[in-house]
Amino acid sequence: MSTELLLKSKGLNDLEKVAQEIISFGKENDIWLLMGQMGAGKTTLSKELCRQLGVVDLVQSPTFSLVNEYLTKSGNVIYHFDFYRIEDIDELANIGVEEYFDSGNLCLIEWPEKVSELIPDKYLKMFIEVLEDDTRVIKLTKHD
């Protein structure tokens, strides 16, 4: 079963509101997939989501480390993955990726399509499409 929501962002000024809607819509899910072309704004959106979720650490793309761990003001942990540079899915076994996914903590995953066979069945997918006028359309789909 899946549920959908479409959001539009015409610039960084809309980002706070968009992130609030995503957080409200996806609150039952621990796995959040961020998809879209290079430069669509996946990391920028991740940073705003983390800010609103109370992250106290510096949020940056984990492109080279594969995963960053952030602590929130309330003591929760958020994991931020970037699988863009993954060439061999076996690399993920070395970092225990499935334990992260099963931890019950929020996992923000950029480029999940590179590791689709490891993604749990229950997740929130955010697909960011960039229109010609630089407007972003974010299609949210819950998969239960």
Protein backbone atom coordinates (compact mmCIF):
# COMPACT_ATOMS: atom_id res chain seq x y z
CA MET A 1 0.00 0.00 0.00
CA SER A 2 1.25 3.52 -0.75
CA THR A 3 0.09 7.05 0.02
CA GLU A 4 1.22 10.11 -1.94
CA LEU A 5 1.62 13.87 -1.47
CA LEU A 6 2.92 16.45 -3.97
CA LEU A 7 4.79 19.55 -2.75
CA LYS A 8 6.25 22.51 -4.67
CA SER A 9 9.23 24.64 -3.76
CA LYS A 10 10.03 27.78 -5.74
CA GLY A 11 13.25 28.46 -3.88
CA LEU A 12 15.05 28.30 -0.57
CA ASN A 13 12.36 30.49 1.01
CA ASP A 14 9.87 27.61 0.62
CA LEU A 15 12.25 25.02 2.03
CA GLU A 16 11.24 25.43 5.68
CA LYS A 17 7.54 24.89 4.91
CA VAL A 18 8.28 21.95 2.60
CA ALA A 19 10.44 20.29 5.26
CA GLN A 20 7.70 20.75 7.87
CA GLU A 21 5.20 19.03 5.57
CA ILE A 22 7.62 16.16 4.87
CA ILE A 23 8.26 15.64 8.59
CA SER A 24 4.54 15.60 9.31
CA PHE A 25 3.77 13.27 6.39
CA GLY A 26 6.63 10.85 7.03
CA LYS A 27 6.70 10.68 10.81
CA GLU A 28 5.77 6.97 10.96
CA ASN A 29 8.67 6.00 8.71
CA ASP A 30 12.30 5.53 9.80
CA ILE A 31 13.69 5.18 6.27
CA TRP A 32 13.50 8.30 4.07
CA LEU A 33 14.78 8.00 0.50
CA LEU A 34 15.86 11.16 -1.32
CA MET A 35 15.88 10.74 -5.08
CA GLY A 36 16.40 13.06 -8.02
CA GLN A 37 19.01 14.12 -10.53
CA MET A 38 22.40 15.49 -9.52
CA GLY A 39 21.88 19.03 -8.22
CA ALA A 40 18.15 18.55 -7.51
CA GLY A 41 18.63 19.56 -3.87
CA LYS A 42 18.75 16.29 -1.96
CA THR A 43 21.51 17.40 0.42
CA THR A 44 19.99 20.87 0.85
CA LEU A 45 16.67 19.28 1.77
CA SER A 46 18.44 16.84 4.12
CA LYS A 47 20.08 19.79 5.90
CA GLU A 48 16.74 21.54 6.41
CA LEU A 49 15.03 18.35 7.59
CA CYS A 50 17.84 17.83 10.12
CA ARG A 51 17.66 21.46 11.27
CA GLN A 52 13.94 21.12 11.94
CA LEU A 53 14.41 17.79 13.67
CA GLY A 54 16.79 19.49 16.13
CA VAL A 55 20.17 18.25 14.89
CA VAL A 56 22.99 19.95 16.82
CA ASP A 57 25.82 18.67 14.59
CA LEU A 58 27.06 20.06 11.29
CA VAL A 59 25.03 18.45 8.50
CA GLN A 60 26.97 17.79 5.32
CA SER A 61 26.95 15.30 2.50
CA PRO A 62 28.42 11.93 3.50
CA THR A 63 29.58 11.30 -0.08
CA PHE A 64 33.02 10.00 0.91
CA SER A 65 32.25 8.53 4.33
CA LEU A 66 28.98 6.89 3.13
CA VAL A 67 27.24 7.68 6.43
CA ASN A 68 27.17 10.61 8.87
CA GLU A 69 25.64 10.34 12.31
CA TYR A 70 23.88 13.37 13.79
CA LEU A 71 22.67 13.93 17.33
CA THR A 72 19.49 15.91 18.02
CA LYS A 73 18.75 18.20 20.97
CA SER A 74 16.43 15.49 22.35
CA GLY A 75 19.18 12.87 22.25
CA ASN A 76 17.97 11.02 19.17
CA VAL A 77 20.31 9.91 16.40
CA ILE A 78 19.77 10.48 12.67
CA TYR A 79 21.82 8.63 10.07
CA HIS A 80 22.52 10.32 6.73
CA PHE A 81 23.71 8.13 3.86
CA ASP A 82 24.98 9.04 0.39
CA PHE A 83 25.41 6.05 -1.90
CA TYR A 84 26.38 7.98 -5.04
CA ARG A 85 29.91 6.59 -5.10
CA ILE A 86 28.99 2.97 -4.25
CA GLU A 87 30.37 0.63 -6.87
CA ASP A 88 30.05 -2.65 -5.00
CA ILE A 89 27.09 -3.25 -2.71
CA ASP A 90 29.31 -5.56 -0.61
CA GLU A 91 31.03 -2.39 0.67
CA LEU A 92 27.88 -1.77 2.70
CA ALA A 93 28.15 -5.04 4.56
CA ASN A 94 31.46 -3.76 5.95
CA ILE A 95 29.76 -0.76 7.57
CA GLY A 96 26.78 -2.79 8.80
CA VAL A 97 24.23 -0.84 6.77
CA GLU A 98 21.37 -3.20 7.59
CA GLU A 99 21.91 -2.62 11.32
CA TYR A 100 21.55 1.12 10.69
CA PHE A 101 18.33 0.53 8.74
CA ASP A 102 16.94 -1.72 11.50
CA SER A 103 17.99 0.61 14.35
CA GLY A 104 14.66 2.44 14.61
CA ASN A 105 16.51 5.72 14.08
CA LEU A 106 15.69 7.98 11.16
CA CYS A 107 17.82 7.16 8.10
CA LEU A 108 18.06 9.77 5.33
CA ILE A 109 19.34 8.04 2.21
CA GLU A 110 20.58 9.85 -0.89
CA TRP A 111 20.96 7.77 -4.08
CA PRO A 112 19.04 4.75 -2.66
CA GLU A 113 18.49 3.37 -6.16
CA LYS A 114 22.14 2.21 -6.11
CA VAL A 115 21.34 -0.17 -3.21
CA SER A 116 17.65 -0.86 -3.81
CA GLU A 117 17.91 -4.53 -2.79
CA LEU A 118 18.96 -3.47 0.74
CA ILE A 119 16.16 -0.95 1.35
CA PRO A 120 13.56 -2.20 3.85
CA ASP A 121 9.96 -2.66 2.65
CA LYS A 122 8.61 0.26 4.70
CA TYR A 123 9.94 3.69 3.67
CA LEU A 124 9.13 7.24 2.59
CA LYS A 125 10.33 8.10 -0.91
CA MET A 126 10.95 11.73 -1.84
CA PHE A 127 11.46 12.24 -5.55
CA ILE A 128 12.66 15.76 -6.40
CA GLU A 129 12.02 16.95 -9.94
CA VAL A 130 13.56 20.22 -11.14
CA LEU A 131 11.36 22.17 -13.56
CA GLU A 132 12.64 24.64 -16.18
CA ASP A 133 12.03 27.65 -13.89
CA ASP A 134 14.06 25.98 -11.08
CA THR A 135 10.87 25.13 -9.19
CA ARG A 136 11.16 21.80 -7.39
CA VAL A 137 8.27 19.36 -7.32
CA ILE A 138 8.69 16.88 -4.50
CA LYS A 139 6.58 13.75 -4.78
CA LEU A 140 6.29 11.95 -1.45
CA THR A 141 5.25 8.31 -1.47
CA LYS A 142 4.86 6.18 1.66
CA HIS A 143 5.43 2.48 1.17
CA ASP A 144 4.13 0.27 3.98
